[in-house]
Amino acid sequence: MVPRCLKTRKTELWTSKVACKAAYTGGEEWLAECRDYLEGNLRFIKTFLAEKLPEIKLIEPEGTYFAWMDFSALGLSDRELDELILSKAGLWLDAGHIFGKGGSGFQRLAYSCTRATLTEALNRLFYAIHGKRDVAH
């Protein structure tokens, strides 16, 4: 008799193989749509920062959906920047300093989300820095 856990594992392997084959043989349209959406989100971030938060500089991503943002122009320590992002803006970004000394003054934003979620996050960031609520974009 084959233990139940091995039966489950075989099923998971089979499912993984089917999913992998489907991705490689029929995923082109989905991938193109996904890339287009992510590129649109990145353009949105660029435009928002340029128009509303020019003091924050965007580091262009290379092959990921993470936007590195340079907050050093604000003159905050890493602790103060974390406080601004977490407590004042109510956002959970990746603090650059957790990636090493070179990440000090940076925050990493995952933009693989809906445009509405991204808009809300950037508006919260604007409000936390400038104290204004009329930031609809």
Protein backbone atom coordinates (compact mmCIF):
# COMPACT_ATOMS: atom_id res chain seq x y z
CA MET A 1 0.00 0.00 0.00
CA VAL A 2 1.30 3.47 -0.96
CA PRO A 3 1.19 6.05 1.84
CA ARG A 4 -1.28 8.88 1.32
CA CYS A 5 1.46 11.54 1.45
CA LEU A 6 3.22 9.95 -1.54
CA LYS A 7 0.02 9.88 -3.53
CA THR A 8 -0.46 13.57 -2.86
CA ARG A 9 3.12 14.33 -3.82
CA LYS A 10 2.74 12.46 -7.13
CA THR A 11 -0.41 14.45 -7.84
CA GLU A 12 1.42 17.69 -7.07
CA LEU A 13 4.26 16.72 -9.41
CA TRP A 14 1.80 15.83 -12.15
CA THR A 15 -0.07 19.11 -11.65
CA SER A 16 3.21 21.03 -11.77
CA LYS A 17 4.19 19.33 -15.02
CA VAL A 18 0.83 20.16 -16.60
CA ALA A 19 1.05 23.79 -15.44
CA CYS A 20 4.61 24.13 -16.70
CA LYS A 21 3.71 22.67 -20.11
CA ALA A 22 0.69 24.99 -20.36
CA ALA A 23 2.83 28.02 -19.53
CA TYR A 24 5.41 27.17 -22.16
CA THR A 25 2.99 26.15 -24.88
CA GLY A 26 0.07 28.52 -24.39
CA GLY A 27 1.08 31.32 -22.08
CA GLU A 28 2.30 33.86 -24.63
CA GLU A 29 -0.88 35.93 -24.66
CA TRP A 30 -1.12 35.96 -20.86
CA LEU A 31 2.54 36.90 -20.53
CA ALA A 32 2.20 39.74 -23.06
CA GLU A 33 -0.83 41.11 -21.20
CA CYS A 34 0.97 40.81 -17.89
CA ARG A 35 4.06 42.61 -19.20
CA ASP A 36 1.92 45.37 -20.72
CA TYR A 37 0.09 45.87 -17.43
CA LEU A 38 3.32 45.99 -15.43
CA GLU A 39 4.86 48.43 -17.92
CA GLY A 40 1.74 50.59 -17.55
CA ASN A 41 2.13 50.54 -13.78
CA LEU A 42 5.77 51.56 -14.11
CA ARG A 43 4.81 54.45 -16.43
CA PHE A 44 2.19 55.48 -13.87
CA ILE A 45 4.80 55.53 -11.10
CA LYS A 46 7.19 57.61 -13.24
CA THR A 47 4.48 60.12 -14.08
CA PHE A 48 3.20 60.33 -10.51
CA LEU A 49 6.68 60.88 -9.08
CA ALA A 50 7.57 63.46 -11.73
CA GLU A 51 4.35 65.42 -11.19
CA LYS A 52 3.64 64.99 -7.48
CA LEU A 53 6.85 63.82 -5.77
CA PRO A 54 9.84 65.03 -7.81
CA GLU A 55 12.05 64.81 -4.75
CA ILE A 56 11.79 61.01 -4.91
CA LYS A 57 13.92 59.51 -7.68
CA LEU A 58 12.99 56.26 -9.38
CA ILE A 59 15.68 53.70 -10.16
CA GLU A 60 14.59 51.89 -13.34
CA PRO A 61 13.98 48.19 -12.69
CA GLU A 62 15.76 45.60 -14.77
CA GLY A 63 13.61 42.53 -15.26
CA THR A 64 11.54 42.78 -12.08
CA TYR A 65 8.37 44.41 -10.86
CA PHE A 66 10.11 46.20 -8.00
CA ALA A 67 10.56 49.95 -8.17
CA TRP A 68 13.50 51.26 -6.15
CA MET A 69 12.80 54.76 -4.96
CA ASP A 70 15.49 57.07 -3.65
CA PHE A 71 14.21 59.20 -0.77
CA SER A 72 17.60 60.68 0.14
CA ALA A 73 16.53 64.19 -0.92
CA LEU A 74 14.19 64.22 2.09
CA GLY A 75 17.21 64.17 4.42
CA LEU A 76 15.75 61.50 6.70
CA SER A 77 17.61 58.80 8.57
CA ASP A 78 16.63 55.21 7.78
CA ARG A 79 14.64 55.07 11.01
CA GLU A 80 12.81 58.31 10.17
CA LEU A 81 12.11 57.11 6.63
CA ASP A 82 10.75 53.81 7.93
CA GLU A 83 8.54 55.75 10.34
CA LEU A 84 7.26 57.93 7.48
CA ILE A 85 6.47 54.92 5.29
CA LEU A 86 4.99 52.65 7.97
CA SER A 87 3.27 54.98 10.40
CA LYS A 88 2.45 58.11 8.47
CA ALA A 89 1.74 56.68 5.00
CA GLY A 90 0.47 53.33 6.30
CA LEU A 91 2.46 51.41 3.69
CA TRP A 92 4.58 48.29 3.95
CA LEU A 93 7.46 48.72 1.53
CA ASP A 94 10.85 47.05 1.67
CA ALA A 95 13.29 49.36 3.45
CA GLY A 96 16.45 49.65 1.38
CA HIS A 97 18.76 49.36 4.38
CA ILE A 98 17.73 45.73 4.91
CA PHE A 99 19.56 44.94 1.66
CA GLY A 100 22.83 46.41 2.90
CA LYS A 101 24.58 49.72 3.41
CA GLY A 102 24.03 50.84 -0.21
CA GLY A 103 20.26 50.66 0.28
CA SER A 104 20.19 53.43 2.88
CA GLY A 105 17.66 56.10 1.94
CA PHE A 106 15.81 53.80 -0.48
CA GLN A 107 12.49 51.96 -0.38
CA ARG A 108 11.37 49.15 -2.70
CA LEU A 109 7.81 49.08 -4.01
CA ALA A 110 6.28 46.01 -5.65
CA TYR A 111 4.10 47.30 -8.49
CA SER A 112 2.59 43.95 -9.45
CA CYS A 113 -0.81 45.07 -8.22
CA THR A 114 -3.94 46.72 -9.53
CA ARG A 115 -3.69 50.32 -10.68
CA ALA A 116 -6.18 51.29 -7.97
CA THR A 117 -3.93 49.81 -5.27
CA LEU A 118 -0.88 51.52 -6.75
CA THR A 119 -2.71 54.85 -6.93
CA GLU A 120 -3.79 54.52 -3.30
CA ALA A 121 -0.22 53.73 -2.20
CA LEU A 122 1.30 56.67 -4.08
CA ASN A 123 -1.40 59.02 -2.82
CA ARG A 124 -0.70 57.90 0.75
CA LEU A 125 2.98 58.54 0.18
CA PHE A 126 2.25 62.01 -1.17
CA TYR A 127 0.02 62.82 1.80
CA ALA A 128 2.60 61.54 4.29
CA ILE A 129 5.28 63.78 2.80
CA HIS A 130 3.24 66.89 1.93
CA GLY A 131 0.24 66.69 4.25
CA LYS A 132 -2.35 67.27 1.52
CA ARG A 133 -5.32 65.09 0.71
CA ASP A 134 -6.28 66.41 -2.74
CA VAL A 135 -3.96 64.17 -4.72
CA ALA A 136 -6.34 62.27 -7.00
CA HIS A 137 -4.48 61.30 -10.14
